[in-house]
Amino acid sequence: MTAHEPPGAPGPAAPYDAVVLAGGGARRLGGADKPGVRVGGRPLLDRVLAACAAATTTVVVAEPRTTARPVRWAREEPPGGGPLAALDAGLRHTSAEHVVVLSADLPFLDGATVRRLLDALRGSDAPRGPGHPDGVLLSDPEGRDQPLVAAYRAGALRRELAALAAAHGGLTGLPLRRLTAALDLTRISDPVASFDCDTWDDIAAARARIREHGHVLDEWISAVKDELGIDLDVDTGVLLDLARDAAHSVARPAAPLTTFLVGYAAARAGGGPEAVAEAARKAAALALRWADEDTPAPAPAPASDPGPGSAAEPGPHAPTGSGAAPGSDAAPDA
């Protein structure tokens, strides 16, 4: 970030690590495997991992499981020792100056929110900034702090965790508020990203929301990319336009087949958003050329009526010699 940027302005991406706490007992879900509960076809844990995909190192504190993205696993000792013990175990595998700390039950967290937290934390370092808080966390619609949706200075976390461990003979069983009370924190309100799933009613509400018209397409594309192991951001508007052109200009079944072929061609060309955009451009131009052939050619303009004494151009069956047509009784002029 330069001195000309206002505090909190997004700057160049800087390294950060992420610690995701995923080992709770989920008592309000009847002991269900909460990180594995699916919302929009994806486990809650995978949704959170997608939001912090830009982290240099992502540590999940829980028993290992299959995830859509590679992570490093850690476990507090003893297992089930509470959030502070879990956070301490995760931090031991990180090295970045800034660390994002997340719970594994945030269905609406996305990369933009993570960047917003980090930008606010980094922006406080700017000249004439608002001080140097230890962290920036989200608050829910009721104004309650959500310390497991936050970006922190890793040094501040380690300092206060060490102090708490020394004062209490360890971190096992200590509530999270013991840590947050010792930190200088800034709050950002975000009623959507701060929504967490503690009950089955929460799960039902999250599942209903992502099927609303304004969300379902993005949710579906994200789910497909996770399922297929594709980590590629493309302009879905370009592909939708292509599908529309193929359906209208050729036939409805051409839409899915064309977009499939565009993806295949882009992969053969090396992949990446640019390859997809170029293949889509070529296919869209082809669809327009295809449609043009269905447009009837304009009829030729009628010949002008020859004036008196003018010689009309002979038609294809008109006599071309000076004599009369075969079978005619007329004799040539003398």
Protein backbone atom coordinates (compact mmCIF):
# COMPACT_ATOMS: atom_id res chain seq x y z
CA MET A 1 0.00 0.00 0.00
CA THR A 2 1.33 3.44 -0.87
CA ALA A 3 1.12 6.59 1.16
CA HIS A 4 -1.37 7.99 -1.37
CA GLU A 5 -4.01 5.35 -0.68
CA PRO A 6 -6.61 6.09 1.99
CA PRO A 7 -6.65 3.93 5.09
CA GLY A 8 -8.50 0.72 4.42
CA ALA A 9 -8.16 0.97 0.64
CA PRO A 10 -7.51 -2.38 -1.05
CA GLY A 11 -3.84 -2.70 -1.88
CA PRO A 12 -1.74 -5.37 -3.53
CA ALA A 13 -2.43 -8.83 -2.22
CA ALA A 14 -0.12 -9.62 0.68
CA PRO A 15 0.52 -13.07 2.12
CA TYR A 16 -1.74 -14.29 4.88
CA ASP A 17 -2.44 -17.61 6.55
CA ALA A 18 -5.77 -19.06 7.64
CA VAL A 19 -6.77 -21.13 10.65
CA VAL A 20 -10.17 -22.87 10.46
CA LEU A 21 -11.61 -24.35 13.65
CA ALA A 22 -13.68 -27.41 12.72
CA GLY A 23 -13.56 -29.68 15.71
CA GLY A 24 -16.53 -28.62 17.86
CA GLY A 25 -19.07 -31.03 19.29
CA ALA A 26 -22.12 -29.55 17.44
CA ARG A 27 -24.37 -30.27 20.44
CA ARG A 28 -27.18 -28.09 19.04
CA LEU A 29 -27.13 -30.25 15.90
CA GLY A 30 -27.48 -33.40 17.96
CA GLY A 31 -23.79 -34.21 17.60
CA ALA A 32 -23.94 -34.25 13.79
CA ASP A 33 -20.75 -33.80 11.77
CA LYS A 34 -21.33 -30.08 11.27
CA PRO A 35 -18.35 -29.35 8.97
CA GLY A 36 -19.63 -32.11 6.67
CA VAL A 37 -23.25 -30.89 6.53
CA ARG A 38 -24.00 -29.86 2.95
CA VAL A 39 -25.41 -26.51 1.94
CA GLY A 40 -25.79 -25.99 -1.78
CA GLY A 41 -24.31 -29.42 -2.43
CA ARG A 42 -21.04 -28.56 -0.66
CA PRO A 43 -19.89 -29.34 2.89
CA LEU A 44 -19.80 -26.28 5.12
CA LEU A 45 -16.06 -26.76 5.61
CA ASP A 46 -15.42 -26.69 1.85
CA ARG A 47 -17.42 -23.48 1.54
CA VAL A 48 -15.20 -21.82 4.14
CA LEU A 49 -12.03 -23.18 2.54
CA ALA A 50 -13.10 -21.63 -0.78
CA ALA A 51 -13.42 -18.23 0.91
CA CYS A 52 -9.81 -18.33 2.15
CA ALA A 53 -8.37 -20.05 -0.93
CA ALA A 54 -5.79 -17.24 -1.35
CA ALA A 55 -4.11 -18.05 1.97
CA THR A 56 -0.49 -19.15 1.77
CA THR A 57 -1.12 -21.83 4.39
CA THR A 58 -4.52 -23.03 5.54
CA VAL A 59 -4.64 -25.02 8.75
CA VAL A 60 -7.78 -26.90 9.76
CA VAL A 61 -7.93 -27.87 13.41
CA ALA A 62 -9.90 -31.13 13.41
CA GLU A 63 -9.56 -34.79 12.61
CA PRO A 64 -8.43 -35.14 8.96
CA ARG A 65 -11.07 -35.68 6.29
CA THR A 66 -11.38 -35.33 2.53
CA THR A 67 -11.63 -31.69 1.45
CA ALA A 68 -11.98 -29.94 -1.89
CA ARG A 69 -8.74 -27.99 -1.31
CA PRO A 70 -5.42 -29.04 0.17
CA VAL A 71 -4.95 -28.06 3.82
CA ARG A 72 -2.66 -28.75 6.74
CA TRP A 73 -4.21 -30.57 9.68
CA ALA A 74 -3.68 -29.88 13.37
CA ARG A 75 -5.28 -30.99 16.63
CA GLU A 76 -5.33 -29.50 20.09
CA GLU A 77 -4.18 -31.57 23.04
CA PRO A 78 -6.29 -33.01 24.46
CA PRO A 79 -8.85 -33.12 21.62
CA GLY A 80 -11.95 -31.15 22.49
CA GLY A 81 -9.96 -28.69 24.59
CA GLY A 82 -11.94 -25.70 23.38
CA PRO A 83 -11.47 -22.85 20.92
CA LEU A 84 -8.39 -21.27 22.51
CA ALA A 85 -6.51 -24.55 22.64
CA ALA A 86 -7.56 -25.23 19.03
CA LEU A 87 -6.48 -21.77 17.87
CA ASP A 88 -3.10 -22.17 19.57
CA ALA A 89 -2.61 -25.54 17.86
CA GLY A 90 -3.44 -24.05 14.47
CA LEU A 91 -1.22 -21.00 14.88
CA ARG A 92 1.80 -23.23 15.44
CA HIS A 93 1.66 -24.14 11.74
CA THR A 94 1.48 -20.57 10.42
CA SER A 95 4.17 -18.00 9.68
CA ALA A 96 2.46 -15.01 8.02
CA GLU A 97 2.15 -11.67 9.81
CA HIS A 98 -1.62 -11.68 9.35
CA VAL A 99 -3.89 -14.65 9.96
CA VAL A 100 -7.58 -15.12 9.20
CA VAL A 101 -9.37 -17.13 11.88
CA LEU A 102 -12.63 -18.78 10.84
CA SER A 103 -15.15 -21.29 12.08
CA ALA A 104 -16.21 -24.09 9.75
CA ASP A 105 -19.93 -23.26 9.76
CA LEU A 106 -20.14 -20.05 7.70
CA PRO A 107 -22.21 -20.80 4.59
CA PHE A 108 -22.13 -17.26 3.16
CA LEU A 109 -18.52 -16.31 3.77
CA ASP A 110 -16.71 -15.47 0.54
CA GLY A 111 -13.33 -14.28 -0.65
CA ALA A 112 -14.50 -10.66 -0.87
CA THR A 113 -15.32 -10.61 2.85
CA VAL A 114 -11.96 -12.13 3.74
CA ARG A 115 -10.22 -9.45 1.64
CA ARG A 116 -12.31 -6.78 3.33
CA LEU A 117 -11.17 -7.93 6.77
CA LEU A 118 -7.53 -8.05 5.70
CA ASP A 119 -7.71 -4.68 3.94
CA ALA A 120 -9.14 -3.09 7.08
CA LEU A 121 -6.38 -4.62 9.19
CA ARG A 122 -3.62 -3.61 6.80
CA GLY A 123 -5.14 -0.19 6.23
CA SER A 124 -4.70 0.64 9.89
CA ASP A 125 -0.93 0.63 9.24
CA ALA A 126 -1.21 3.51 6.76
CA PRO A 127 0.09 6.98 7.70
CA ARG A 128 -2.50 8.87 9.73
CA GLY A 129 -4.46 5.63 10.02
CA PRO A 130 -6.77 4.89 12.95
CA GLY A 131 -4.13 3.24 15.10
CA HIS A 132 -2.91 -0.32 15.00
CA PRO A 133 -5.62 -2.71 16.21
CA ASP A 134 -4.77 -6.32 16.93
CA GLY A 135 -7.59 -7.54 14.72
CA VAL A 136 -10.69 -6.81 12.69
CA LEU A 137 -13.77 -8.97 13.19
CA LEU A 138 -17.32 -9.14 11.92
CA SER A 139 -20.35 -8.38 14.04
CA ASP A 140 -23.80 -9.91 13.50
CA PRO A 141 -27.09 -8.02 13.04
CA GLU A 142 -27.53 -7.80 16.83
CA GLY A 143 -24.07 -6.27 17.20
CA ARG A 144 -22.50 -9.35 18.74
CA ASP A 145 -18.84 -9.98 18.02
CA GLN A 146 -17.93 -12.91 15.77
CA PRO A 147 -14.27 -13.54 16.72
CA LEU A 148 -14.17 -16.61 14.47
CA VAL A 149 -14.79 -14.48 11.38
CA ALA A 150 -11.80 -12.19 11.75
CA ALA A 151 -8.33 -11.16 10.63
CA TYR A 152 -5.66 -10.78 13.32
CA ARG A 153 -2.03 -9.89 13.74
CA ALA A 154 -0.49 -13.26 14.43
CA GLY A 155 1.99 -11.77 16.89
CA ALA A 156 -0.80 -10.33 19.02
CA LEU A 157 -2.60 -13.69 19.12
CA ARG A 158 0.53 -15.56 20.16
CA ARG A 159 1.33 -12.98 22.83
CA GLU A 160 -2.08 -13.11 24.48
CA LEU A 161 -2.45 -16.88 24.16
CA ALA A 162 0.90 -17.32 25.90
CA ALA A 163 -0.17 -14.94 28.67
CA LEU A 164 -3.45 -16.79 29.20
CA ALA A 165 -1.71 -20.18 29.24
CA ALA A 166 0.76 -18.91 31.83
CA ALA A 167 -1.98 -17.42 33.99
CA HIS A 168 -4.28 -20.48 33.90
CA GLY A 169 -1.87 -23.34 33.57
CA GLY A 170 -2.96 -24.00 29.99
CA LEU A 171 -5.68 -23.08 27.52
CA THR A 172 -7.97 -26.10 27.82
CA GLY A 173 -11.54 -25.12 28.55
CA LEU A 174 -10.98 -21.36 28.45
CA PRO A 175 -13.68 -19.40 26.61
CA LEU A 176 -12.83 -17.34 23.54
CA ARG A 177 -13.86 -14.10 25.25
CA ARG A 178 -10.78 -14.35 27.47
CA LEU A 179 -8.70 -13.74 24.36
CA THR A 180 -10.84 -11.09 22.69
CA ALA A 181 -11.07 -9.08 25.91
CA ALA A 182 -7.28 -8.74 25.90
CA LEU A 183 -7.07 -7.57 22.27
CA ASP A 184 -7.64 -4.19 20.65
CA LEU A 185 -10.26 -5.00 18.00
CA THR A 186 -12.08 -3.16 15.21
CA ARG A 187 -15.57 -4.24 14.15
CA ILE A 188 -17.19 -4.48 10.71
CA SER A 189 -20.90 -5.17 10.38
CA ASP A 190 -21.87 -7.89 7.90
CA PRO A 191 -25.17 -9.66 8.64
CA VAL A 192 -24.78 -12.13 5.76
CA ALA A 193 -21.17 -13.28 6.04
CA SER A 194 -21.42 -13.49 9.83
CA PHE A 195 -24.34 -15.93 9.66
CA ASP A 196 -23.30 -19.25 11.20
CA CYS A 197 -25.11 -22.56 11.36
CA ASP A 198 -25.65 -23.69 14.94
CA THR A 199 -29.03 -25.41 14.55
CA TRP A 200 -30.94 -27.36 11.92
CA ASP A 201 -33.16 -24.31 11.48
CA ASP A 202 -30.03 -22.35 10.54
CA ILE A 203 -29.10 -25.05 8.03
CA ALA A 204 -32.59 -24.95 6.52
CA ALA A 205 -32.46 -21.14 6.25
CA ALA A 206 -29.07 -21.27 4.52
CA ARG A 207 -30.24 -23.93 2.06
CA ALA A 208 -33.33 -21.88 1.22
CA ARG A 209 -31.39 -18.67 0.68
CA ILE A 210 -28.93 -20.05 -1.83
CA ARG A 211 -31.82 -21.31 -3.97
CA GLU A 212 -33.25 -17.84 -4.32
CA HIS A 213 -33.12 -16.49 -7.85
CA GLY A 214 -30.34 -14.01 -7.20
CA HIS A 215 -27.97 -16.60 -5.75
CA VAL A 216 -28.64 -19.98 -7.28
CA LEU A 217 -26.51 -19.65 -10.42
CA ASP A 218 -23.35 -18.53 -8.61
CA GLU A 219 -23.89 -21.22 -5.98
CA TRP A 220 -24.32 -23.90 -8.63
CA ILE A 221 -21.19 -22.85 -10.55
CA SER A 222 -19.16 -22.84 -7.31
CA ALA A 223 -20.46 -26.28 -6.40
CA VAL A 224 -19.62 -27.70 -9.84
CA LYS A 225 -16.09 -26.27 -9.73
CA ASP A 226 -15.49 -27.82 -6.31
CA GLU A 227 -16.93 -31.15 -7.41
CA LEU A 228 -14.74 -31.24 -10.54
CA GLY A 229 -11.63 -29.85 -8.88
CA ILE A 230 -11.61 -26.74 -11.07
CA ASP A 231 -10.10 -23.59 -9.62
CA LEU A 232 -10.87 -21.18 -12.42
CA ASP A 233 -12.70 -17.86 -12.38
CA VAL A 234 -14.32 -17.05 -15.71
CA ASP A 235 -16.86 -14.52 -16.88
CA THR A 236 -20.03 -16.59 -16.66
CA GLY A 237 -21.88 -13.81 -18.51
CA VAL A 238 -19.83 -14.57 -21.62
CA LEU A 239 -20.74 -18.26 -21.46
CA LEU A 240 -24.42 -17.49 -20.84
CA ASP A 241 -24.46 -15.17 -23.84
CA LEU A 242 -22.85 -17.89 -25.93
CA ALA A 243 -25.42 -20.45 -24.78
CA ARG A 244 -28.22 -18.06 -25.69
CA ASP A 245 -26.75 -17.40 -29.13
CA ALA A 246 -26.31 -21.11 -29.80
CA ALA A 247 -29.86 -21.90 -28.66
CA HIS A 248 -31.46 -19.14 -30.72
CA SER A 249 -29.26 -19.29 -33.80
CA VAL A 250 -28.91 -23.07 -34.14
CA ALA A 251 -31.12 -25.19 -31.85
CA ARG A 252 -31.74 -25.49 -28.12
CA PRO A 253 -29.56 -28.60 -27.64
CA ALA A 254 -26.68 -26.65 -29.17
CA ALA A 255 -26.37 -24.50 -26.04
CA PRO A 256 -24.97 -27.07 -23.56
CA LEU A 257 -22.96 -28.88 -26.21
CA THR A 258 -21.36 -25.65 -27.43
CA THR A 259 -20.36 -24.52 -23.97
CA PHE A 260 -18.87 -27.96 -23.32
CA LEU A 261 -16.82 -27.75 -26.50
CA VAL A 262 -15.66 -24.25 -25.57
CA GLY A 263 -14.41 -25.56 -22.25
CA TYR A 264 -12.65 -28.45 -23.94
CA ALA A 265 -11.01 -26.11 -26.46
CA ALA A 266 -9.92 -23.73 -23.71
CA ALA A 267 -8.32 -26.60 -21.80
CA ARG A 268 -6.40 -27.70 -24.90
CA ALA A 269 -5.22 -24.11 -25.34
CA GLY A 270 -3.69 -24.07 -21.86
CA GLY A 271 -6.70 -23.13 -19.76
CA GLY A 272 -7.27 -19.90 -17.92
CA PRO A 273 -9.94 -17.20 -18.24
CA GLU A 274 -8.33 -15.76 -21.40
CA ALA A 275 -8.50 -19.11 -23.20
CA VAL A 276 -12.16 -19.52 -22.24
CA ALA A 277 -12.99 -15.99 -23.41
CA GLU A 278 -11.25 -16.51 -26.77
CA ALA A 279 -12.93 -19.86 -27.42
CA ALA A 280 -16.31 -18.38 -26.47
CA ARG A 281 -15.73 -15.42 -28.82
CA LYS A 282 -15.02 -17.72 -31.76
CA ALA A 283 -18.03 -19.92 -31.06
CA ALA A 284 -20.33 -16.90 -30.66
CA ALA A 285 -19.16 -15.48 -33.99
CA LEU A 286 -19.82 -18.86 -35.63
CA ALA A 287 -23.35 -18.92 -34.21
CA LEU A 288 -24.03 -15.50 -35.69
CA ARG A 289 -22.69 -16.57 -39.08
CA TRP A 290 -24.87 -19.67 -38.88
CA ALA A 291 -27.95 -17.53 -38.20
CA ASP A 292 -27.11 -15.20 -41.08
CA GLU A 293 -27.50 -18.08 -43.54
CA ASP A 294 -31.15 -18.45 -42.53
CA THR A 295 -31.87 -14.90 -43.64
CA PRO A 296 -33.28 -14.89 -47.20
CA ALA A 297 -31.09 -13.13 -49.72
CA PRO A 298 -32.58 -9.84 -50.91
CA ALA A 299 -34.51 -10.11 -54.18
CA PRO A 300 -32.83 -8.45 -57.18
CA ALA A 301 -34.12 -5.01 -58.03
CA PRO A 302 -36.59 -5.04 -61.01
CA ALA A 303 -35.18 -3.82 -64.35
CA SER A 304 -36.23 -0.30 -65.30
CA ASP A 305 -38.92 -0.05 -68.03
CA PRO A 306 -37.15 0.84 -71.29
CA GLY A 307 -38.26 4.05 -72.87
CA PRO A 308 -39.58 4.43 -76.44
CA GLY A 309 -36.96 3.59 -79.00
CA SER A 310 -34.58 2.11 -76.47
CA ALA A 311 -33.07 -1.33 -77.00
CA ALA A 312 -33.82 -3.68 -74.15
CA GLU A 313 -31.23 -6.21 -73.06
CA PRO A 314 -32.17 -9.59 -74.49
CA GLY A 315 -33.37 -12.15 -71.99
CA PRO A 316 -31.90 -15.61 -71.77
CA HIS A 317 -34.36 -16.96 -74.40
CA ALA A 318 -34.56 -13.89 -76.64
CA PRO A 319 -33.28 -14.07 -80.23
CA THR A 320 -29.83 -12.70 -80.59
CA GLY A 321 -29.58 -12.61 -84.42
CA SER A 322 -31.08 -10.19 -86.91
CA GLY A 323 -33.64 -12.74 -88.21
CA ALA A 324 -36.94 -13.61 -86.74
CA ALA A 325 -37.34 -16.28 -84.19
CA PRO A 326 -37.65 -19.81 -85.56
CA GLY A 327 -41.16 -20.48 -86.82
CA SER A 328 -41.97 -16.81 -87.28
CA ASP A 329 -43.70 -15.60 -90.53
CA ALA A 330 -42.13 -12.22 -90.20
CA ALA A 331 -39.39 -11.39 -92.63
CA PRO A 332 -36.45 -9.26 -91.83
CA ASP A 333 -36.62 -5.62 -92.75
CA ALA A 334 -35.33 -4.82 -96.18
